[in-house]
PDB file of N, CA and C in Angstrom:
ATOM      1  N   MET A   1     132.265 104.200  75.432  1.00  0.00           N
ATOM      2  CA  MET A   1     132.508 103.185  76.440  1.00  0.00           C
ATOM      3  C   MET A   1     131.514 103.394  77.577  1.00  0.00           C
ATOM      4  N   ASN A   2     130.997 102.311  78.163  1.00  0.00           N
ATOM      5  CA  ASN A   2     129.992 102.389  79.223  1.00  0.00           C
ATOM      6  C   ASN A   2     130.626 102.311  80.605  1.00  0.00           C
ATOM      7  N   ALA A   3     131.673 103.017  80.835  1.00  0.00           N
ATOM      8  CA  ALA A   3     132.315 102.978  82.146  1.00  0.00           C
ATOM      9  C   ALA A   3     132.740 104.393  82.526  1.00  0.00           C
ATOM     10  N   GLU A   4     132.830 104.614  83.820  1.00  0.00           N
ATOM     11  CA  GLU A   4     133.257 105.907  84.334  1.00  0.00           C
ATOM     12  C   GLU A   4     134.399 105.675  85.308  1.00  0.00           C
ATOM     13  N   ARG A   5     135.273 106.670  85.436  1.00  0.00           N
ATOM     14  CA  ARG A   5     136.381 106.563  86.385  1.00  0.00           C
ATOM     15  C   ARG A   5     135.960 107.166  87.728  1.00  0.00           C
ATOM     16  N   SER A   6     136.268 106.440  88.807  1.00  0.00           N
ATOM     17  CA  SER A   6     135.966 106.956  90.145  1.00  0.00           C
ATOM     18  C   SER A   6     137.100 107.869  90.590  1.00  0.00           C
ATOM     19  N   GLU A   7     136.972 108.440  91.790  1.00  0.00           N
ATOM     20  CA  GLU A   7     138.007 109.325  92.316  1.00  0.00           C
ATOM     21  C   GLU A   7     139.328 108.598  92.478  1.00  0.00           C
ATOM     22  N   THR A   8     139.292 107.285  92.690  1.00  0.00           N
ATOM     23  CA  THR A   8     140.527 106.525  92.863  1.00  0.00           C
ATOM     24  C   THR A   8     141.126 106.116  91.526  1.00  0.00           C
ATOM     25  N   GLY A   9     140.434 106.418  90.444  1.00  0.00           N
ATOM     26  CA  GLY A   9     140.941 106.058  89.130  1.00  0.00           C
ATOM     27  C   GLY A   9     140.448 104.707  88.644  1.00  0.00           C
ATOM     28  N   ALA A  10     139.718 103.976  89.495  1.00  0.00           N
ATOM     29  CA  ALA A  10     139.196 102.668  89.093  1.00  0.00           C
ATOM     30  C   ALA A  10     138.002 102.861  88.159  1.00  0.00           C
ATOM     31  N   THR A  11     137.884 101.978  87.217  1.00  0.00           N
ATOM     32  CA  THR A  11     136.765 102.047  86.279  1.00  0.00           C
ATOM     33  C   THR A  11     135.521 101.455  86.920  1.00  0.00           C
ATOM     34  N   GLN A  12     134.447 102.224  86.906  1.00  0.00           N
ATOM     35  CA  GLN A  12     133.162 101.784  87.455  1.00  0.00           C
ATOM     36  C   GLN A  12     132.197 101.564  86.296  1.00  0.00           C
ATOM     37  N   PRO A  13     131.439 100.479  86.324  1.00  0.00           N
ATOM     38  CA  PRO A  13     130.462 100.285  85.250  1.00  0.00           C
ATOM     39  C   PRO A  13     129.374 101.353  85.322  1.00  0.00           C
ATOM     40  N   ALA A  14     128.916 101.776  84.165  1.00  0.00           N
ATOM     41  CA  ALA A  14     127.843 102.766  84.108  1.00  0.00           C
ATOM     42  C   ALA A  14     126.557 102.143  84.624  1.00  0.00           C
ATOM     43  N   PRO A  15     125.721 102.922  85.303  1.00  0.00           N
ATOM     44  CA  PRO A  15     124.460 102.359  85.801  1.00  0.00           C
ATOM     45  C   PRO A  15     123.574 101.929  84.637  1.00  0.00           C
ATOM     46  N   ARG A  16     122.885 100.802  84.823  1.00  0.00           N
ATOM     47  CA  ARG A  16     121.999 100.288  83.784  1.00  0.00           C
ATOM     48  C   ARG A  16     120.694 101.070  83.798  1.00  0.00           C
ATOM     49  N   PRO A  17     120.182 101.386  82.628  1.00  0.00           N
ATOM     50  CA  PRO A  17     118.892 102.081  82.587  1.00  0.00           C
ATOM     51  C   PRO A  17     117.773 101.155  83.054  1.00  0.00           C
ATOM     52  N   THR A  18     116.752 101.731  83.640  1.00  0.00           N
ATOM     53  CA  THR A  18     115.618 100.934  84.099  1.00  0.00           C
ATOM     54  C   THR A  18     114.511 100.967  83.054  1.00  0.00           C
ATOM     55  N   THR A  19     113.700  99.927  83.051  1.00  0.00           N
ATOM     56  CA  THR A  19     112.545  99.842  82.164  1.00  0.00           C
ATOM     57  C   THR A  19     111.300  99.898  83.017  1.00  0.00           C
ATOM     58  N   THR A  20     110.412 100.809  82.698  1.00  0.00           N
ATOM     59  CA  THR A  20     109.143 100.934  83.408  1.00  0.00           C
ATOM     60  C   THR A  20     108.052 100.328  82.543  1.00  0.00           C
ATOM     61  N   ILE A  21     107.226  99.477  83.134  1.00  0.00           N
ATOM     62  CA  ILE A  21     106.131  98.828  82.423  1.00  0.00           C
ATOM     63  C   ILE A  21     104.850  99.624  82.653  1.00  0.00           C
ATOM     64  N   ASP A  22     104.209 100.050  81.579  1.00  0.00           N
ATOM     65  CA  ASP A  22     102.925 100.751  81.664  1.00  0.00           C
ATOM     66  C   ASP A  22     101.836  99.788  81.204  1.00  0.00           C
ATOM     67  N   ASP A  23     101.065  99.250  82.143  1.00  0.00           N
ATOM     68  CA  ASP A  23     100.006  98.293  81.790  1.00  0.00           C
ATOM     69  C   ASP A  23      98.606  98.884  81.977  1.00  0.00           C
ATOM     70  N   THR A  24      98.494 100.200  81.871  1.00  0.00           N
ATOM     71  CA  THR A  24      97.190 100.831  82.072  1.00  0.00           C
ATOM     72  C   THR A  24      96.183 100.460  80.987  1.00  0.00           C
ATOM     73  N   ASN A  25      96.631 100.137  79.798  1.00  0.00           N
ATOM     74  CA  ASN A  25      95.724  99.790  78.702  1.00  0.00           C
ATOM     75  C   ASN A  25      95.761  98.306  78.351  1.00  0.00           C
ATOM     76  N   VAL A  26      96.237  97.480  79.256  1.00  0.00           N
ATOM     77  CA  VAL A  26      96.339  96.050  78.967  1.00  0.00           C
ATOM     78  C   VAL A  26      94.949  95.426  78.864  1.00  0.00           C
ATOM     79  N   MET A  27      94.813  94.456  77.976  1.00  0.00           N
ATOM     80  CA  MET A  27      93.563  93.712  77.830  1.00  0.00           C
ATOM     81  C   MET A  27      93.817  92.278  78.285  1.00  0.00           C
ATOM     82  N   ALA A  28      93.069  91.829  79.261  1.00  0.00           N
ATOM     83  CA  ALA A  28      93.234  90.475  79.775  1.00  0.00           C
ATOM     84  C   ALA A  28      92.369  89.512  78.979  1.00  0.00           C
ATOM     85  N   CYS A  29      92.858  88.307  78.806  1.00  0.00           N
ATOM     86  CA  CYS A  29      92.073  87.254  78.165  1.00  0.00           C
ATOM     87  C   CYS A  29      92.399  85.944  78.868  1.00  0.00           C
ATOM     88  N   TYR A  30      91.499  84.997  78.768  1.00  0.00           N
ATOM     89  CA  TYR A  30      91.708  83.676  79.348  1.00  0.00           C
ATOM     90  C   TYR A  30      91.899  82.694  78.208  1.00  0.00           C
ATOM     91  N   ALA A  31      92.833  81.777  78.358  1.00  0.00           N
ATOM     92  CA  ALA A  31      93.060  80.756  77.340  1.00  0.00           C
ATOM     93  C   ALA A  31      93.279  79.413  78.023  1.00  0.00           C
ATOM     94  N   ASN A  32      92.677  78.370  77.462  1.00  0.00           N
ATOM     95  CA  ASN A  32      92.949  77.014  77.931  1.00  0.00           C
ATOM     96  C   ASN A  32      93.468  76.153  76.780  1.00  0.00           C
ATOM     97  N   MET A  33      93.830  76.808  75.676  1.00  0.00           N
ATOM     98  CA  MET A  33      94.400  76.133  74.524  1.00  0.00           C
ATOM     99  C   MET A  33      95.500  77.011  73.948  1.00  0.00           C
ATOM    100  N   CYS A  34      96.592  76.384  73.571  1.00  0.00           N
ATOM    101  CA  CYS A  34      97.636  77.128  72.883  1.00  0.00           C
ATOM    102  C   CYS A  34      98.212  76.279  71.757  1.00  0.00           C
ATOM    103  N   ARG A  35      98.667  76.956  70.736  1.00  0.00           N
ATOM    104  CA  ARG A  35      99.334  76.308  69.603  1.00  0.00           C
ATOM    105  C   ARG A  35     100.597  77.106  69.338  1.00  0.00           C
ATOM    106  N   VAL A  36     101.704  76.404  69.177  1.00  0.00           N
ATOM    107  CA  VAL A  36     102.986  77.058  68.945  1.00  0.00           C
ATOM    108  C   VAL A  36     103.493  76.658  67.563  1.00  0.00           C
ATOM    109  N   SER A  37     103.895  77.638  66.793  1.00  0.00           N
ATOM    110  CA  SER A  37     104.554  77.378  65.519  1.00  0.00           C
ATOM    111  C   SER A  37     105.701  78.370  65.391  1.00  0.00           C
ATOM    112  N   SER A  38     106.575  78.133  64.419  1.00  0.00           N
ATOM    113  CA  SER A  38     107.712  79.038  64.306  1.00  0.00           C
ATOM    114  C   SER A  38     108.229  79.100  62.881  1.00  0.00           C
ATOM    115  N   THR A  39     108.966  80.152  62.646  1.00  0.00           N
ATOM    116  CA  THR A  39     109.729  80.340  61.425  1.00  0.00           C
ATOM    117  C   THR A  39     111.188  80.449  61.868  1.00  0.00           C
ATOM    118  N   PRO A  40     112.126  80.522  60.954  1.00  0.00           N
ATOM    119  CA  PRO A  40     113.518  80.692  61.394  1.00  0.00           C
ATOM    120  C   PRO A  40     113.748  81.966  62.208  1.00  0.00           C
ATOM    121  N   GLU A  41     112.915  82.981  62.020  1.00  0.00           N
ATOM    122  CA  GLU A  41     113.104  84.256  62.723  1.00  0.00           C
ATOM    123  C   GLU A  41     112.171  84.476  63.897  1.00  0.00           C
ATOM    124  N   GLU A  42     110.997  83.821  63.906  1.00  0.00           N
ATOM    125  CA  GLU A  42     109.984  84.150  64.908  1.00  0.00           C
ATOM    126  C   GLU A  42     109.287  82.912  65.453  1.00  0.00           C
ATOM    127  N   LEU A  43     108.709  83.093  66.621  1.00  0.00           N
ATOM    128  CA  LEU A  43     107.865  82.080  67.240  1.00  0.00           C
ATOM    129  C   LEU A  43     106.462  82.663  67.326  1.00  0.00           C
ATOM    130  N   ILE A  44     105.464  81.861  66.960  1.00  0.00           N
ATOM    131  CA  ILE A  44     104.072  82.314  66.975  1.00  0.00           C
ATOM    132  C   ILE A  44     103.321  81.508  68.015  1.00  0.00           C
ATOM    133  N   LEU A  45     102.687  82.191  68.940  1.00  0.00           N
ATOM    134  CA  LEU A  45     101.920  81.567  70.011  1.00  0.00           C
ATOM    135  C   LEU A  45     100.466  81.987  69.844  1.00  0.00           C
ATOM    136  N   ASP A  46      99.610  81.024  69.459  1.00  0.00           N
ATOM    137  CA  ASP A  46      98.175  81.269  69.320  1.00  0.00           C
ATOM    138  C   ASP A  46      97.471  80.805  70.584  1.00  0.00           C
ATOM    139  N   LEU A  47      96.567  81.632  71.107  1.00  0.00           N
ATOM    140  CA  LEU A  47      95.831  81.325  72.328  1.00  0.00           C
ATOM    141  C   LEU A  47      94.338  81.362  72.049  1.00  0.00           C
ATOM    142  N   GLY A  48      93.603  80.465  72.694  1.00  0.00           N
ATOM    143  CA  GLY A  48      92.162  80.443  72.506  1.00  0.00           C
ATOM    144  C   GLY A  48      91.462  79.768  73.663  1.00  0.00           C
ATOM    145  N   LEU A  49      90.139  79.784  73.591  1.00  0.00           N
ATOM    146  CA  LEU A  49      89.306  79.178  74.625  1.00  0.00           C
ATOM    147  C   LEU A  49      88.588  77.981  74.025  1.00  0.00           C
ATOM    148  N   ASN A  50      88.867  76.809  74.568  1.00  0.00           N
ATOM    149  CA  ASN A  50      88.160  75.594  74.174  1.00  0.00           C
ATOM    150  C   ASN A  50      86.970  75.468  75.116  1.00  0.00           C
ATOM    151  N   PRO A  51      85.744  75.710  74.631  1.00  0.00           N
ATOM    152  CA  PRO A  51      84.584  75.725  75.522  1.00  0.00           C
ATOM    153  C   PRO A  51      84.263  74.366  76.128  1.00  0.00           C
ATOM    154  N   ASN A  52      84.709  73.291  75.502  1.00  0.00           N
ATOM    155  CA  ASN A  52      84.440  71.955  76.033  1.00  0.00           C
ATOM    156  C   ASN A  52      85.671  71.073  75.837  1.00  0.00           C
ATOM    157  N   PRO A  53      86.664  71.202  76.712  1.00  0.00           N
ATOM    158  CA  PRO A  53      87.900  70.441  76.520  1.00  0.00           C
ATOM    159  C   PRO A  53      87.729  68.930  76.673  1.00  0.00           C
ATOM    160  N   TYR A  54      86.609  68.483  77.210  1.00  0.00           N
ATOM    161  CA  TYR A  54      86.380  67.047  77.402  1.00  0.00           C
ATOM    162  C   TYR A  54      85.438  66.480  76.351  1.00  0.00           C
ATOM    163  N   ALA A  55      85.216  67.207  75.260  1.00  0.00           N
ATOM    164  CA  ALA A  55      84.272  66.780  74.223  1.00  0.00           C
ATOM    165  C   ALA A  55      84.710  65.457  73.606  1.00  0.00           C
ATOM    166  N   GLN A  56      83.730  64.641  73.281  1.00  0.00           N
ATOM    167  CA  GLN A  56      83.981  63.357  72.632  1.00  0.00           C
ATOM    168  C   GLN A  56      83.793  63.465  71.119  1.00  0.00           C
ATOM    169  N   THR A  57      83.532  64.659  70.617  1.00  0.00           N
ATOM    170  CA  THR A  57      83.354  64.893  69.187  1.00  0.00           C
ATOM    171  C   THR A  57      84.331  65.972  68.732  1.00  0.00           C
ATOM    172  N   ASP A  58      84.403  66.189  67.421  1.00  0.00           N
ATOM    173  CA  ASP A  58      85.275  67.226  66.882  1.00  0.00           C
ATOM    174  C   ASP A  58      84.852  68.592  67.414  1.00  0.00           C
ATOM    175  N   THR A  59      85.834  69.415  67.711  1.00  0.00           N
ATOM    176  CA  THR A  59      85.582  70.738  68.274  1.00  0.00           C
ATOM    177  C   THR A  59      86.391  71.773  67.506  1.00  0.00           C
ATOM    178  N   THR A  60      85.817  72.922  67.302  1.00  0.00           N
ATOM    179  CA  THR A  60      86.538  74.049  66.710  1.00  0.00           C
ATOM    180  C   THR A  60      86.840  75.045  67.818  1.00  0.00           C
ATOM    181  N   VAL A  61      88.100  75.424  67.928  1.00  0.00           N
ATOM    182  CA  VAL A  61      88.522  76.392  68.937  1.00  0.00           C
ATOM    183  C   VAL A  61      88.934  77.667  68.213  1.00  0.00           C
ATOM    184  N   GLU A  62      88.305  78.768  68.588  1.00  0.00           N
ATOM    185  CA  GLU A  62      88.625  80.058  67.983  1.00  0.00           C
ATOM    186  C   GLU A  62      89.876  80.632  68.630  1.00  0.00           C
ATOM    187  N   VAL A  63      90.858  80.979  67.813  1.00  0.00           N
ATOM    188  CA  VAL A  63      92.062  81.644  68.307  1.00  0.00           C
ATOM    189  C   VAL A  63      91.720  83.115  68.522  1.00  0.00           C
ATOM    190  N   SER A  64      91.886  83.581  69.758  1.00  0.00           N
ATOM    191  CA  SER A  64      91.517  84.960  70.082  1.00  0.00           C
ATOM    192  C   SER A  64      92.724  85.880  70.228  1.00  0.00           C
ATOM    193  N   GLN A  65      93.883  85.318  70.469  1.00  0.00           N
ATOM    194  CA  GLN A  65      95.086  86.120  70.645  1.00  0.00           C
ATOM    195  C   GLN A  65      96.242  85.435  69.918  1.00  0.00           C
ATOM    196  N   ARG A  66      97.063  86.212  69.258  1.00  0.00           N
ATOM    197  CA  ARG A  66      98.282  85.695  68.625  1.00  0.00           C
ATOM    198  C   ARG A  66      99.435  86.564  69.087  1.00  0.00           C
ATOM    199  N   ILE A  67     100.448  85.922  69.633  1.00  0.00           N
ATOM    200  CA  ILE A  67     101.640  86.626  70.090  1.00  0.00           C
ATOM    201  C   ILE A  67     102.800  86.161  69.218  1.00  0.00           C
ATOM    202  N   ILE A  68     103.486  87.112  68.626  1.00  0.00           N
ATOM    203  CA  ILE A  68     104.631  86.812  67.769  1.00  0.00           C
ATOM    204  C   ILE A  68     105.859  87.427  68.428  1.00  0.00           C
ATOM    205  N   MET A  69     106.899  86.618  68.592  1.00  0.00           N
ATOM    206  CA  MET A  69     108.112  87.094  69.246  1.00  0.00           C
ATOM    207  C   MET A  69     109.331  86.458  68.597  1.00  0.00           C
ATOM    208  N   ASN A  70     110.493  87.053  68.831  1.00  0.00           N
ATOM    209  CA  ASN A  70     111.709  86.425  68.336  1.00  0.00           C
ATOM    210  C   ASN A  70     112.104  85.293  69.283  1.00  0.00           C
ATOM    211  N   HIS A  71     113.037  84.453  68.855  1.00  0.00           N
ATOM    212  CA  HIS A  71     113.405  83.285  69.654  1.00  0.00           C
ATOM    213  C   HIS A  71     114.141  83.657  70.943  1.00  0.00           C
ATOM    214  N   PHE A  72     114.803  84.792  70.979  1.00  0.00           N
ATOM    215  CA  PHE A  72     115.466  85.233  72.209  1.00  0.00           C
ATOM    216  C   PHE A  72     114.428  85.547  73.286  1.00  0.00           C
ATOM    217  N   THR A  73     113.386  86.275  72.906  1.00  0.00           N
ATOM    218  CA  THR A  73     112.309  86.582  73.845  1.00  0.00           C
ATOM    219  C   THR A  73     111.586  85.310  74.250  1.00  0.00           C
ATOM    220  N   ALA A  74     111.377  84.398  73.305  1.00  0.00           N
ATOM    221  CA  ALA A  74     110.713  83.132  73.612  1.00  0.00           C
ATOM    222  C   ALA A  74     111.514  82.331  74.636  1.00  0.00           C
ATOM    223  N   LYS A  75     112.825  82.354  74.530  1.00  0.00           N
ATOM    224  CA  LYS A  75     113.655  81.618  75.494  1.00  0.00           C
ATOM    225  C   LYS A  75     113.570  82.252  76.879  1.00  0.00           C
ATOM    226  N   ARG A  76     113.518  83.579  76.945  1.00  0.00           N
ATOM    227  CA  ARG A  76     113.344  84.240  78.244  1.00  0.00           C
ATOM    228  C   ARG A  76     111.967  83.927  78.824  1.00  0.00           C
ATOM    229  N   LEU A  77     110.941  83.873  77.967  1.00  0.00           N
ATOM    230  CA  LEU A  77     109.598  83.500  78.413  1.00  0.00           C
ATOM    231  C   LEU A  77     109.594  82.071  78.936  1.00  0.00           C
ATOM    232  N   LEU A  78     110.257  81.159  78.235  1.00  0.00           N
ATOM    233  CA  LEU A  78     110.359  79.768  78.682  1.00  0.00           C
ATOM    234  C   LEU A  78     110.970  79.686  80.077  1.00  0.00           C
ATOM    235  N   ALA A  79     112.039  80.409  80.310  1.00  0.00           N
ATOM    236  CA  ALA A  79     112.693  80.387  81.624  1.00  0.00           C
ATOM    237  C   ALA A  79     111.772  80.940  82.707  1.00  0.00           C
ATOM    238  N   ALA A  80     111.074  82.033  82.412  1.00  0.00           N
ATOM    239  CA  ALA A  80     110.168  82.632  83.400  1.00  0.00           C
ATOM    240  C   ALA A  80     108.997  81.706  83.704  1.00  0.00           C
ATOM    241  N   LEU A  81     108.402  81.101  82.673  1.00  0.00           N
ATOM    242  CA  LEU A  81     107.284  80.175  82.890  1.00  0.00           C
ATOM    243  C   LEU A  81     107.737  78.936  83.648  1.00  0.00           C
ATOM    244  N   SER A  82     108.899  78.404  83.304  1.00  0.00           N
ATOM    245  CA  SER A  82     109.418  77.213  83.980  1.00  0.00           C
ATOM    246  C   SER A  82     109.638  77.478  85.468  1.00  0.00           C
ATOM    247  N   ALA A  83     110.240  78.602  85.790  1.00  0.00           N
ATOM    248  CA  ALA A  83     110.474  78.942  87.197  1.00  0.00           C
ATOM    249  C   ALA A  83     109.159  79.135  87.940  1.00  0.00           C
ATOM    250  N   THR A  84     108.177  79.750  87.300  1.00  0.00           N
ATOM    251  CA  THR A  84     106.875  79.975  87.925  1.00  0.00           C
ATOM    252  C   THR A  84     106.160  78.658  88.195  1.00  0.00           C
ATOM    253  N   ILE A  85     106.173  77.741  87.234  1.00  0.00           N
ATOM    254  CA  ILE A  85     105.531  76.431  87.413  1.00  0.00           C
ATOM    255  C   ILE A  85     106.244  75.631  88.496  1.00  0.00           C
ATOM    256  N   GLN A  86     107.565  75.680  88.537  1.00  0.00           N
ATOM    257  CA  GLN A  86     108.303  74.967  89.589  1.00  0.00           C
ATOM    258  C   GLN A  86     107.907  75.470  90.972  1.00  0.00           C
ATOM    259  N   ARG A  87     107.805  76.780  91.141  1.00  0.00           N
ATOM    260  CA  ARG A  87     107.394  77.331  92.443  1.00  0.00           C
ATOM    261  C   ARG A  87     105.970  76.906  92.787  1.00  0.00           C
ATOM    262  N   HIS A  88     105.079  76.916  91.802  1.00  0.00           N
ATOM    263  CA  HIS A  88     103.691  76.508  92.036  1.00  0.00           C
ATOM    264  C   HIS A  88     103.630  75.040  92.468  1.00  0.00           C
ATOM    265  N   GLU A  89     104.364  74.178  91.779  1.00  0.00           N
ATOM    266  CA  GLU A  89     104.338  72.753  92.116  1.00  0.00           C
ATOM    267  C   GLU A  89     104.970  72.481  93.478  1.00  0.00           C
ATOM    268  N   GLN A  90     105.971  73.247  93.850  1.00  0.00           N
ATOM    269  CA  GLN A  90     106.550  73.087  95.183  1.00  0.00           C
ATOM    270  C   GLN A  90     105.541  73.455  96.260  1.00  0.00           C
ATOM    271  N   ALA A  91     104.716  74.441  95.990  1.00  0.00           N
ATOM    272  CA  ALA A  91     103.731  74.889  96.975  1.00  0.00           C
ATOM    273  C   ALA A  91     102.467  74.041  96.972  1.00  0.00           C
ATOM    274  N   PHE A  92     102.018  73.572  95.795  1.00  0.00           N
ATOM    275  CA  PHE A  92     100.702  72.944  95.691  1.00  0.00           C
ATOM    276  C   PHE A  92     100.707  71.524  95.140  1.00  0.00           C
ATOM    277  N   GLY A  93     101.845  71.015  94.739  1.00  0.00           N
ATOM    278  CA  GLY A  93     101.910  69.664  94.182  1.00  0.00           C
ATOM    279  C   GLY A  93     102.030  69.679  92.666  1.00  0.00           C
ATOM    280  N   VAL A  94     102.339  68.511  92.131  1.00  0.00           N
ATOM    281  CA  VAL A  94     102.600  68.368  90.701  1.00  0.00           C
ATOM    282  C   VAL A  94     101.337  68.629  89.887  1.00  0.00           C
ATOM    283  N   LEU A  95     101.477  69.344  88.799  1.00  0.00           N
ATOM    284  CA  LEU A  95     100.382  69.603  87.867  1.00  0.00           C
ATOM    285  C   LEU A  95     100.350  68.480  86.833  1.00  0.00           C
ATOM    286  N   GLU A  96      99.288  67.717  86.812  1.00  0.00           N
ATOM    287  CA  GLU A  96      99.130  66.637  85.836  1.00  0.00           C
ATOM    288  C   GLU A  96      98.527  67.219  84.571  1.00  0.00           C
ATOM    289  N   ILE A  97      99.248  67.135  83.447  1.00  0.00           N
ATOM    290  CA  ILE A  97      98.735  67.724  82.213  1.00  0.00           C
ATOM    291  C   ILE A  97      97.959  66.727  81.360  1.00  0.00           C
ATOM    292  N   ASP A  98      97.994  65.447  81.701  1.00  0.00           N
ATOM    293  CA  ASP A  98      97.187  64.448  80.995  1.00  0.00           C
ATOM    294  C   ASP A  98      95.780  64.477  81.579  1.00  0.00           C
ATOM    295  N   VAL A  99      94.821  64.975  80.791  1.00  0.00           N
ATOM    296  CA  VAL A  99      93.441  65.127  81.264  1.00  0.00           C
ATOM    297  C   VAL A  99      92.872  63.799  81.734  1.00  0.00           C
ATOM    298  N   ASN A 100      93.198  62.711  81.056  1.00  0.00           N
ATOM    299  CA  ASN A 100      92.656  61.401  81.426  1.00  0.00           C
ATOM    300  C   ASN A 100      93.098  60.961  82.816  1.00  0.00           C
ATOM    301  N   LYS A 101      94.221  61.434  83.275  1.00  0.00           N
ATOM    302  CA  LYS A 101      94.693  61.093  84.618  1.00  0.00           C
ATOM    303  C   LYS A 101      94.080  62.004  85.682  1.00  0.00           C
ATOM    304  N   ARG A 102      93.512  63.146  85.272  1.00  0.00           N
ATOM    305  CA  ARG A 102      92.919  64.090  86.222  1.00  0.00           C
ATOM    306  C   ARG A 102      91.430  63.900  86.409  1.00  0.00           C
ATOM    307  N   VAL A 103      90.732  63.489  85.367  1.00  0.00           N
ATOM    308  CA  VAL A 103      89.271  63.410  85.400  1.00  0.00           C
ATOM    309  C   VAL A 103      88.842  62.145  86.124  1.00  0.00           C
ATOM    310  N   ARG A 104      87.918  62.320  87.059  1.00  0.00           N
ATOM    311  CA  ARG A 104      87.350  61.168  87.771  1.00  0.00           C
ATOM    312  C   ARG A 104      86.185  60.628  86.969  1.00  0.00           C
ATOM    313  N   LYS A 105      86.227  59.350  86.681  1.00  0.00           N
ATOM    314  CA  LYS A 105      85.139  58.734  85.919  1.00  0.00           C
ATOM    315  C   LYS A 105      84.049  58.295  86.876  1.00  0.00           C
ATOM    316  N   SER A 106      82.796  58.609  86.532  1.00  0.00           N
ATOM    317  CA  SER A 106      81.684  58.261  87.420  1.00  0.00           C
ATOM    318  C   SER A 106      81.030  56.965  87.013  1.00  0.00           C
TER     319      SER A 106
END
């Protein structure tokens, strides 16, 4: 059982263990393209760099990073990303994801 009795006899929850993140060997990458696919057990997130996102011809984008996670972790990631984007938009305005609405035509 994860509980301890205090001097008064009341049950106190056991302290939760902490998780320390060691990012000393992390490798950073930049991505402006992502592809998401899934299986019943996992979600696959492919990341890459599209060197010319405004190209008018066919383009090949090399996938440089693949992240595979279970759906529980993916849902926690979704919540964290959603909260981060909401804070960013509150501070700097709405992010338009339709490129045609962002690009100024000359």
